[in-house]
């Protein structure tokens, strides 16, 4: 199976626009994806588009149309707006000048997940302490194959998970990326060794400000895409995620 993941961290020169946790979020996403828990992506399958201009990002994302499965993760400034049909969609501010709409970030691959972690403001003291160890867990060597087997059981199409803090600040709260990736370290999050994206978003929402719950759009599918893996066997606490 051909995979491509696109990581986009909003980069802002104006001090008023800077978000303290963006770089940490992007590093955490890469660490998660390349771990067995995240499906053992290779570094060659992960494209970091942080700091790139809008046209470069759009061109690179179109490459995902050749993949079987693509993943797009954005961390930065953004907000929910209405499209011309009156439906809510996400506008991303990829830098101080360039904006992108949600549909421009869709590579068009048969299976595609898009995660948008957007806010207008985060306090400087916010930290993305997303790395860590899952006690008592050892991962099988075939984690990559297993992830793809689980994905192939799911209907094709696009799923979108979005958190847009239109009100202003996530002070003293985890960002959506922080909450989402923290869920994978909890054994009770998994069902039959798989944490699916709809479950991960719901659990992450429990750690977010109640007035701004994350939105999950998975369509009418019967089986939701895998997000993380947990083996049923025990020992070895040496593996980190």
Protein backbone atom coordinates (compact mmCIF):
# COMPACT_ATOMS: atom_id res chain seq x y z
CA UNK A 1 0.00 0.00 0.00
CA UNK A 2 1.28 3.44 -0.91
CA UNK A 3 0.97 6.03 1.87
CA UNK A 4 1.68 9.75 2.11
CA UNK A 5 1.33 11.96 5.17
CA UNK A 6 1.47 15.75 5.00
CA UNK A 7 2.30 17.71 8.15
CA UNK A 8 1.54 21.43 8.02
CA UNK A 9 2.57 23.71 10.88
CA UNK A 10 1.42 27.30 10.61
CA UNK A 11 4.45 29.61 10.53
CA UNK A 12 3.95 33.23 11.53
CA UNK A 13 6.52 36.01 11.70
CA UNK A 14 4.21 38.51 13.38
CA UNK A 15 4.57 38.01 17.12
CA UNK A 16 0.83 38.47 17.66
CA UNK A 17 0.13 35.47 15.43
CA UNK A 18 2.69 33.01 16.78
CA UNK A 19 1.51 29.83 18.45
CA UNK A 20 3.89 28.31 20.92
CA UNK A 21 3.04 24.65 20.44
CA UNK A 22 2.93 24.29 16.64
CA UNK A 23 6.48 23.02 16.16
CA UNK A 24 6.08 20.62 19.07
CA UNK A 25 2.79 19.36 17.62
CA UNK A 26 4.42 18.61 14.26
CA UNK A 27 7.34 16.80 15.88
CA UNK A 28 4.90 14.77 17.95
CA UNK A 29 2.85 13.80 14.89
CA UNK A 30 5.99 12.53 13.14
CA UNK A 31 7.08 10.56 16.20
CA UNK A 32 3.63 9.01 16.53
CA UNK A 33 3.33 8.07 12.85
CA UNK A 34 6.75 6.42 12.68
CA UNK A 35 6.04 4.39 15.81
CA UNK A 36 4.40 0.94 15.63
CA UNK A 37 1.46 2.45 17.50
CA UNK A 38 0.88 4.91 14.65
CA UNK A 39 1.27 2.30 11.92
CA UNK A 40 5.04 2.37 11.31
CA UNK A 41 5.18 5.03 8.61
CA UNK A 42 8.62 5.60 7.10
CA UNK A 43 10.20 9.05 7.12
CA UNK A 44 10.09 8.96 3.32
CA UNK A 45 6.29 8.81 3.47
CA UNK A 46 6.01 11.92 5.64
CA UNK A 47 6.21 15.36 4.00
CA UNK A 48 6.67 18.36 6.31
CA UNK A 49 5.16 21.42 4.63
CA UNK A 50 5.53 23.77 7.59
CA UNK A 51 6.62 27.23 6.53
CA UNK A 52 5.82 26.65 2.86
CA UNK A 53 3.80 29.00 0.68
CA UNK A 54 0.22 28.16 -0.20
CA UNK A 55 0.98 27.19 -3.82
CA UNK A 56 3.79 24.86 -2.72
CA UNK A 57 1.55 23.18 -0.15
CA UNK A 58 -1.24 22.73 -2.70
CA UNK A 59 1.15 21.25 -5.28
CA UNK A 60 2.66 18.80 -2.79
CA UNK A 61 -0.72 17.71 -1.46
CA UNK A 62 -1.89 16.84 -4.96
CA UNK A 63 0.79 14.15 -4.93
CA UNK A 64 -1.36 12.35 -2.39
CA UNK A 65 -3.83 11.52 -5.12
CA UNK A 66 -1.46 8.76 -6.24
CA UNK A 67 -1.42 7.20 -2.79
CA UNK A 68 -3.80 4.56 -1.51
CA UNK A 69 -3.99 6.26 1.88
CA UNK A 70 -3.15 9.86 2.69
CA UNK A 71 -3.12 11.77 5.95
CA UNK A 72 -3.10 15.56 6.32
CA UNK A 73 -2.40 17.11 9.75
CA UNK A 74 -2.50 20.87 10.29
CA UNK A 75 -1.57 22.71 13.48
CA UNK A 76 -1.88 26.48 13.56
CA UNK A 77 -4.29 29.35 13.20
CA UNK A 78 -7.64 28.83 11.58
CA UNK A 79 -11.38 29.19 11.95
CA UNK A 80 -14.68 27.77 10.84
CA UNK A 81 -16.48 29.63 8.04
CA UNK A 82 -19.51 29.01 5.84
CA UNK A 83 -19.00 27.85 2.27
CA UNK A 84 -21.15 29.05 -0.63
CA UNK A 85 -23.73 26.40 0.18
CA UNK A 86 -23.99 27.44 3.83
CA UNK A 87 -22.08 24.47 5.24
CA UNK A 88 -19.30 24.85 7.80
CA UNK A 89 -15.77 24.42 6.50
CA UNK A 90 -12.32 25.19 7.85
CA UNK A 91 -10.12 28.08 6.73
CA UNK A 92 -6.44 27.55 7.52
CA UNK A 93 -3.89 30.33 7.92
CA UNK A 94 -0.69 28.60 6.85
CA UNK A 95 1.40 31.74 7.34
CA UNK A 96 0.90 35.48 7.83
CA UNK A 97 -0.30 36.00 4.26
CA UNK A 98 -1.62 32.72 2.86
CA UNK A 99 -4.97 31.10 3.53
CA UNK A 100 -6.19 27.70 2.42
CA UNK A 101 -9.65 26.20 2.50
CA UNK A 102 -10.30 22.71 3.82
CA UNK A 103 -11.10 21.23 0.41
CA UNK A 104 -7.75 22.42 -0.98
CA UNK A 105 -6.05 20.09 1.52
CA UNK A 106 -7.80 16.97 0.25
CA UNK A 107 -5.32 14.91 -1.80
CA UNK A 108 -8.13 12.85 -3.28
CA UNK A 109 -6.72 9.43 -2.42
CA UNK A 110 -9.12 6.47 -2.01
CA UNK A 111 -8.70 6.55 1.80
CA UNK A 112 -7.93 9.93 3.35
CA UNK A 113 -7.87 11.41 6.85
CA UNK A 114 -7.57 15.14 7.51
CA UNK A 115 -6.94 16.52 11.01
CA UNK A 116 -7.17 20.27 11.60
CA UNK A 117 -5.96 21.64 14.94
CA UNK A 118 -6.91 25.31 14.69
CA UNK A 119 -7.12 28.15 17.16
CA UNK A 120 -6.77 31.90 17.13
CA UNK A 121 -4.58 32.05 20.22
CA UNK A 122 -2.61 29.79 22.52
CA UNK A 123 -0.73 30.95 25.57
CA UNK A 124 3.06 30.81 25.52
CA UNK A 125 3.17 28.50 28.51
CA UNK A 126 1.31 25.77 26.63
CA UNK A 127 3.50 22.74 26.04
CA UNK A 128 2.99 19.75 23.78
CA UNK A 129 4.35 17.01 26.02
CA UNK A 130 3.13 14.30 23.69
CA UNK A 131 5.99 11.86 23.77
CA UNK A 132 5.97 9.20 26.43
CA UNK A 133 5.93 5.50 27.14
CA UNK A 134 3.09 3.07 27.35
CA UNK A 135 3.89 0.72 30.24
CA UNK A 136 3.81 -3.00 29.64
CA UNK A 137 3.43 -2.84 25.87
CA UNK A 138 5.36 -4.57 23.13
CA UNK A 139 4.45 -4.17 19.49
CA UNK A 140 4.56 -6.91 16.88
CA UNK A 141 6.96 -6.50 13.98
CA UNK A 142 4.06 -6.51 11.53
CA UNK A 143 2.44 -3.33 12.90
CA UNK A 144 2.63 -1.70 9.47
CA UNK A 145 0.90 -4.63 7.79
CA UNK A 146 -1.68 -4.81 10.52
CA UNK A 147 -2.54 -1.12 10.17
CA UNK A 148 -3.09 -1.55 6.45
CA UNK A 149 -5.21 -4.67 6.96
CA UNK A 150 -7.47 -2.72 9.30
CA UNK A 151 -7.71 0.16 6.82
CA UNK A 152 -8.67 -2.17 3.97
CA UNK A 153 -11.64 -3.37 6.02
CA UNK A 154 -13.04 0.17 5.94
CA UNK A 155 -15.06 1.84 3.23
CA UNK A 156 -13.09 4.26 1.07
CA UNK A 157 -13.58 8.01 1.31
CA UNK A 158 -12.62 11.05 3.35
CA UNK A 159 -12.85 11.58 7.12
CA UNK A 160 -12.20 14.92 8.78
CA UNK A 161 -11.46 15.73 12.42
CA UNK A 162 -11.36 19.41 13.33
CA UNK A 163 -11.00 21.58 16.39
CA UNK A 164 -11.42 25.30 15.80
CA UNK A 165 -11.27 27.46 18.91
CA UNK A 166 -13.07 30.44 17.44
CA UNK A 167 -13.38 32.03 20.85
CA UNK A 168 -9.71 32.78 21.22
CA UNK A 169 -7.70 30.76 23.70
CA UNK A 170 -7.04 27.23 24.85
CA UNK A 171 -5.39 28.52 28.02
CA UNK A 172 -4.57 25.84 30.56
CA UNK A 173 -6.03 23.22 28.22
CA UNK A 174 -4.39 20.81 25.82
CA UNK A 175 -4.49 21.62 22.14
CA UNK A 176 -6.44 19.18 19.98
CA UNK A 177 -3.18 17.55 18.82
CA UNK A 178 -2.05 17.15 22.41
CA UNK A 179 -5.34 15.61 23.49
CA UNK A 180 -5.63 13.36 20.45
CA UNK A 181 -2.13 11.92 20.68
CA UNK A 182 -2.33 11.54 24.44
CA UNK A 183 -5.30 9.20 24.03
CA UNK A 184 -3.11 6.56 22.34
CA UNK A 185 -1.12 6.01 25.56
CA UNK A 186 -4.17 4.74 27.44
CA UNK A 187 -4.82 1.02 27.15
CA UNK A 188 -8.50 1.46 27.93
CA UNK A 189 -8.90 3.51 24.73
CA UNK A 190 -8.56 0.43 22.55
CA UNK A 191 -11.12 -2.09 21.37
CA UNK A 192 -9.73 -5.36 19.97
CA UNK A 193 -6.29 -3.78 19.83
CA UNK A 194 -7.36 -0.93 17.53
CA UNK A 195 -8.20 2.68 18.33
CA UNK A 196 -10.34 4.07 15.54
CA UNK A 197 -10.35 7.72 14.51
CA UNK A 198 -13.93 8.37 15.61
CA UNK A 199 -13.18 6.95 19.07
CA UNK A 200 -9.94 8.93 19.35
CA UNK A 201 -11.69 12.21 18.52
CA UNK A 202 -14.47 11.53 21.02
CA UNK A 203 -12.01 10.70 23.81
CA UNK A 204 -9.81 13.69 22.98
CA UNK A 205 -12.86 15.91 23.16
CA UNK A 206 -13.25 15.00 26.82
CA UNK A 207 -10.02 16.91 27.51
CA UNK A 208 -10.99 19.97 25.47
CA UNK A 209 -12.95 23.06 26.58
CA UNK A 210 -16.59 21.98 26.67
CA UNK A 211 -17.77 25.00 24.71
CA UNK A 212 -15.57 24.00 21.75
CA UNK A 213 -15.83 20.27 21.15
CA UNK A 214 -13.91 18.78 18.21
CA UNK A 215 -15.96 17.91 15.15
CA UNK A 216 -15.69 14.54 13.44
CA UNK A 217 -17.06 13.99 9.95
CA UNK A 218 -16.87 10.33 9.03
CA UNK A 219 -19.90 10.03 6.82
CA UNK A 220 -22.24 7.05 7.11
CA UNK A 221 -19.48 4.47 7.09
CA UNK A 222 -19.83 1.22 9.01
CA UNK A 223 -16.14 0.89 9.94
CA UNK A 224 -14.02 3.90 10.81
CA UNK A 225 -10.36 4.21 9.89
CA UNK A 226 -7.72 2.93 12.32
CA UNK A 227 -5.86 5.65 14.19
CA UNK A 228 -3.57 3.66 16.49
CA UNK A 229 -2.68 0.06 17.28
CA UNK A 230 -2.24 -1.75 20.57
CA UNK A 231 -1.26 -5.43 20.65
CA UNK A 232 -3.04 -7.87 22.89
CA UNK A 233 0.23 -9.38 24.14
CA UNK A 234 2.04 -7.91 27.14
CA UNK A 235 5.61 -7.37 28.26
CA UNK A 236 8.42 -5.04 27.41
CA UNK A 237 7.97 -1.47 28.52
CA UNK A 238 10.83 -0.33 26.35
CA UNK A 239 8.81 0.78 23.34
CA UNK A 240 7.86 4.44 23.32
CA UNK A 241 5.26 6.17 21.21
